[in-house]
N, C-alpha and C. Protein backbone atom coordinates (compact mmCIF):
# COMPACT_ATOMS: atom_id res chain seq x y z
N UNK A 1 0.84 -1.18 0.00
CA UNK A 1 0.00 0.00 0.00
C UNK A 1 0.89 1.24 0.00
N UNK A 2 0.35 2.32 -0.46
CA UNK A 2 1.15 3.53 -0.55
C UNK A 2 1.21 4.25 0.80
N UNK A 3 2.22 5.08 0.96
CA UNK A 3 2.43 5.82 2.19
C UNK A 3 1.20 6.64 2.56
N UNK A 4 0.55 7.24 1.57
CA UNK A 4 -0.63 8.06 1.85
C UNK A 4 -1.78 7.21 2.41
N UNK A 5 -2.10 6.13 1.75
CA UNK A 5 -3.20 5.27 2.20
C UNK A 5 -2.94 4.71 3.59
N UNK A 6 -1.74 4.21 3.81
CA UNK A 6 -1.40 3.61 5.10
C UNK A 6 -1.47 4.67 6.20
N UNK A 7 -0.98 5.86 5.92
CA UNK A 7 -1.03 6.93 6.92
C UNK A 7 -2.45 7.32 7.28
N UNK A 8 -3.34 7.39 6.29
CA UNK A 8 -4.73 7.74 6.55
C UNK A 8 -5.44 6.63 7.33
N UNK A 9 -5.20 5.38 6.96
CA UNK A 9 -5.79 4.25 7.70
C UNK A 9 -5.27 4.25 9.13
N UNK A 10 -3.99 4.50 9.32
CA UNK A 10 -3.42 4.53 10.67
C UNK A 10 -4.11 5.59 11.53
N UNK A 11 -4.34 6.75 10.96
CA UNK A 11 -5.04 7.79 11.70
C UNK A 11 -6.42 7.35 12.13
N UNK A 12 -7.17 6.69 11.24
CA UNK A 12 -8.49 6.18 11.58
C UNK A 12 -8.45 5.11 12.66
N UNK A 13 -7.47 4.22 12.58
CA UNK A 13 -7.33 3.19 13.61
C UNK A 13 -7.00 3.79 14.96
N UNK A 14 -6.12 4.77 14.97
CA UNK A 14 -5.74 5.41 16.22
C UNK A 14 -6.94 6.10 16.87
N UNK A 15 -7.81 6.69 16.05
CA UNK A 15 -9.03 7.32 16.59
C UNK A 15 -9.92 6.30 17.29
N UNK A 16 -9.79 5.05 16.94
CA UNK A 16 -10.58 3.97 17.53
C UNK A 16 -9.81 3.23 18.62
N UNK A 17 -8.66 3.77 19.01
CA UNK A 17 -7.90 3.20 20.12
C UNK A 17 -6.92 2.11 19.76
N UNK A 18 -6.62 1.94 18.48
CA UNK A 18 -5.68 0.91 18.04
C UNK A 18 -4.36 1.59 17.67
N UNK A 19 -3.31 1.26 18.38
CA UNK A 19 -2.00 1.86 18.13
C UNK A 19 -1.42 1.36 16.81
N UNK A 20 -0.77 2.26 16.08
CA UNK A 20 -0.20 1.92 14.78
C UNK A 20 1.20 2.50 14.62
N UNK A 21 1.96 1.89 13.72
CA UNK A 21 3.25 2.41 13.28
C UNK A 21 3.32 2.17 11.78
N UNK A 22 3.68 3.18 11.02
CA UNK A 22 3.82 3.07 9.57
C UNK A 22 5.30 3.03 9.19
N UNK A 23 5.62 2.27 8.17
CA UNK A 23 6.93 2.34 7.54
C UNK A 23 6.72 3.11 6.25
N UNK A 24 7.31 4.29 6.18
CA UNK A 24 7.06 5.22 5.07
C UNK A 24 8.20 5.20 4.06
N UNK A 25 7.88 4.85 2.83
CA UNK A 25 8.87 4.85 1.76
C UNK A 25 9.04 6.23 1.13
N UNK A 26 8.02 7.07 1.25
CA UNK A 26 8.08 8.41 0.67
C UNK A 26 7.90 9.42 1.81
N UNK A 27 9.00 9.94 2.28
CA UNK A 27 8.98 10.81 3.47
C UNK A 27 8.09 12.03 3.27
N UNK A 28 8.17 12.67 2.12
CA UNK A 28 7.41 13.90 1.91
C UNK A 28 5.90 13.64 1.98
N UNK A 29 5.48 12.46 1.59
CA UNK A 29 4.06 12.11 1.70
C UNK A 29 3.70 11.89 3.17
N UNK A 30 4.57 11.24 3.92
CA UNK A 30 4.33 11.04 5.36
C UNK A 30 4.24 12.39 6.06
N UNK A 31 5.07 13.34 5.67
CA UNK A 31 5.02 14.68 6.27
C UNK A 31 3.65 15.31 5.98
N UNK A 32 3.16 15.16 4.78
CA UNK A 32 1.87 15.75 4.39
C UNK A 32 0.68 15.06 5.06
N UNK A 33 0.72 13.73 5.15
CA UNK A 33 -0.40 12.95 5.68
C UNK A 33 -0.42 12.96 7.21
N UNK A 34 0.75 13.03 7.84
CA UNK A 34 0.89 13.08 9.28
C UNK A 34 0.32 11.85 10.00
N UNK A 35 0.82 10.66 9.68
CA UNK A 35 0.36 9.48 10.43
C UNK A 35 0.78 9.62 11.89
N UNK A 36 0.08 8.95 12.80
CA UNK A 36 0.40 9.08 14.22
C UNK A 36 1.86 8.76 14.56
N UNK A 37 2.39 7.68 13.99
CA UNK A 37 3.79 7.28 14.19
C UNK A 37 4.28 6.68 12.90
N UNK A 38 5.45 7.14 12.45
CA UNK A 38 5.99 6.60 11.20
C UNK A 38 7.51 6.57 11.24
N UNK A 39 8.06 5.57 10.59
CA UNK A 39 9.49 5.43 10.41
C UNK A 39 9.76 5.59 8.92
N UNK A 40 10.44 6.67 8.55
CA UNK A 40 10.76 6.94 7.14
C UNK A 40 12.03 6.18 6.77
N UNK A 41 11.95 5.38 5.72
CA UNK A 41 13.09 4.55 5.31
C UNK A 41 13.57 4.97 3.92
N UNK A 42 14.87 4.79 3.65
CA UNK A 42 15.45 5.21 2.37
C UNK A 42 15.50 4.12 1.31
N UNK A 43 14.61 3.15 1.40
CA UNK A 43 14.68 2.00 0.51
C UNK A 43 13.76 2.17 -0.70
N UNK A 44 14.04 1.45 -1.79
CA UNK A 44 13.19 1.55 -2.99
C UNK A 44 11.85 0.83 -2.78
N UNK A 45 10.89 1.18 -3.64
CA UNK A 45 9.60 0.51 -3.60
C UNK A 45 9.79 -1.00 -3.71
N UNK A 46 9.00 -1.74 -2.96
CA UNK A 46 9.10 -3.20 -2.96
C UNK A 46 10.04 -3.74 -1.92
N UNK A 47 10.80 -2.85 -1.26
CA UNK A 47 11.74 -3.29 -0.23
C UNK A 47 11.64 -2.41 1.01
N UNK A 48 10.48 -2.35 1.63
CA UNK A 48 10.30 -1.44 2.76
C UNK A 48 11.17 -1.77 3.98
N UNK A 49 11.65 -3.01 4.04
CA UNK A 49 12.52 -3.39 5.16
C UNK A 49 13.97 -3.52 4.75
N UNK A 50 14.32 -3.10 3.56
CA UNK A 50 15.69 -3.15 3.10
C UNK A 50 15.99 -4.37 2.27
N UNK A 51 17.26 -4.70 2.19
CA UNK A 51 17.72 -5.80 1.34
C UNK A 51 17.16 -7.14 1.80
N UNK A 52 16.85 -8.00 0.84
CA UNK A 52 16.28 -9.32 1.13
C UNK A 52 17.24 -10.21 1.91
N UNK A 53 18.52 -10.00 1.77
CA UNK A 53 19.50 -10.87 2.43
C UNK A 53 20.10 -10.25 3.68
N UNK A 54 19.32 -9.41 4.37
CA UNK A 54 19.82 -8.74 5.57
C UNK A 54 18.84 -8.91 6.74
N UNK A 55 18.71 -10.14 7.25
CA UNK A 55 17.75 -10.35 8.33
C UNK A 55 18.07 -9.55 9.60
N UNK A 56 19.34 -9.35 9.90
CA UNK A 56 19.69 -8.56 11.09
C UNK A 56 19.24 -7.12 10.92
N UNK A 57 19.47 -6.55 9.75
CA UNK A 57 19.05 -5.18 9.49
C UNK A 57 17.53 -5.06 9.51
N UNK A 58 16.84 -6.06 8.99
CA UNK A 58 15.38 -6.06 8.98
C UNK A 58 14.83 -6.14 10.40
N UNK A 59 15.43 -6.98 11.23
CA UNK A 59 15.00 -7.08 12.63
C UNK A 59 15.23 -5.76 13.35
N UNK A 60 16.36 -5.12 13.10
CA UNK A 60 16.64 -3.84 13.74
C UNK A 60 15.64 -2.77 13.31
N UNK A 61 15.29 -2.78 12.04
CA UNK A 61 14.31 -1.80 11.54
C UNK A 61 12.94 -2.04 12.18
N UNK A 62 12.50 -3.29 12.22
CA UNK A 62 11.20 -3.59 12.83
C UNK A 62 11.22 -3.22 14.32
N UNK A 63 12.31 -3.50 15.01
CA UNK A 63 12.43 -3.14 16.42
C UNK A 63 12.34 -1.62 16.60
N UNK A 64 13.00 -0.87 15.72
CA UNK A 64 12.94 0.59 15.80
C UNK A 64 11.53 1.10 15.54
N UNK A 65 10.84 0.49 14.59
CA UNK A 65 9.46 0.90 14.30
C UNK A 65 8.56 0.60 15.50
N UNK A 66 8.68 -0.58 16.07
CA UNK A 66 7.85 -0.93 17.22
C UNK A 66 8.17 -0.07 18.44
N UNK A 67 9.41 0.35 18.56
CA UNK A 67 9.80 1.22 19.68
C UNK A 67 9.06 2.55 19.63
N UNK A 68 8.62 2.95 18.45
CA UNK A 68 7.86 4.20 18.34
C UNK A 68 6.54 4.13 19.11
N UNK A 69 6.05 2.92 19.36
CA UNK A 69 4.83 2.77 20.15
C UNK A 69 5.00 3.25 21.58
N UNK A 70 6.24 3.31 22.06
CA UNK A 70 6.52 3.76 23.42
C UNK A 70 6.63 5.27 23.54
N UNK A 71 6.65 5.98 22.41
CA UNK A 71 6.78 7.43 22.43
C UNK A 71 5.52 8.06 23.01
N UNK A 72 5.69 9.09 23.82
CA UNK A 72 4.50 9.75 24.36
C UNK A 72 3.70 10.41 23.24
N UNK A 73 2.42 10.37 23.35
CA UNK A 73 1.56 10.94 22.32
C UNK A 73 1.01 12.27 22.74
N UNK A 74 0.16 12.87 22.03
CA UNK A 74 -0.24 12.38 20.72
C UNK A 74 0.77 12.75 19.66
N UNK A 75 0.73 12.06 18.54
CA UNK A 75 1.63 12.32 17.41
C UNK A 75 1.18 13.56 16.68
N UNK A 76 1.64 13.78 15.51
CA UNK A 76 2.40 12.81 14.73
C UNK A 76 3.88 12.77 15.10
N UNK A 77 4.46 11.62 14.90
CA UNK A 77 5.87 11.39 15.13
C UNK A 77 6.45 10.77 13.87
N UNK A 78 7.48 11.40 13.32
CA UNK A 78 8.14 10.89 12.12
C UNK A 78 9.63 10.81 12.41
N UNK A 79 10.17 9.59 12.35
CA UNK A 79 11.57 9.33 12.64
C UNK A 79 12.22 8.78 11.37
N UNK A 80 13.43 9.21 11.09
CA UNK A 80 14.16 8.72 9.91
C UNK A 80 15.01 7.51 10.27
N UNK A 81 15.05 6.53 9.37
CA UNK A 81 15.91 5.36 9.51
C UNK A 81 17.07 5.50 8.55
N UNK A 82 18.27 5.23 8.89
CA UNK A 82 18.67 4.84 10.23
C UNK A 82 18.67 6.05 11.16
N UNK A 83 18.23 5.80 12.38
CA UNK A 83 18.18 6.86 13.38
C UNK A 83 19.59 7.32 13.70
N UNK A 84 19.71 8.57 13.95
CA UNK A 84 21.03 9.08 14.31
C UNK A 84 21.48 10.10 13.41
């Protein structure tokens, strides 16, 4: 799904009390849509978690995305990967 659609769905879910985190492939769209929590990644379409042969990197990215659930709200919160 596209960054815009996912961000809008996330906002609707959050309004209903369901916590969400988006992985955003297009940062400028995430900025415009303002999902509650998003991790902007620098990867090409079709590879939102990075290279297929990098399970350690993928686990780190998923852990970073899930860690956004611990951030105090309300959002929006947009963090760039890799953090730092």
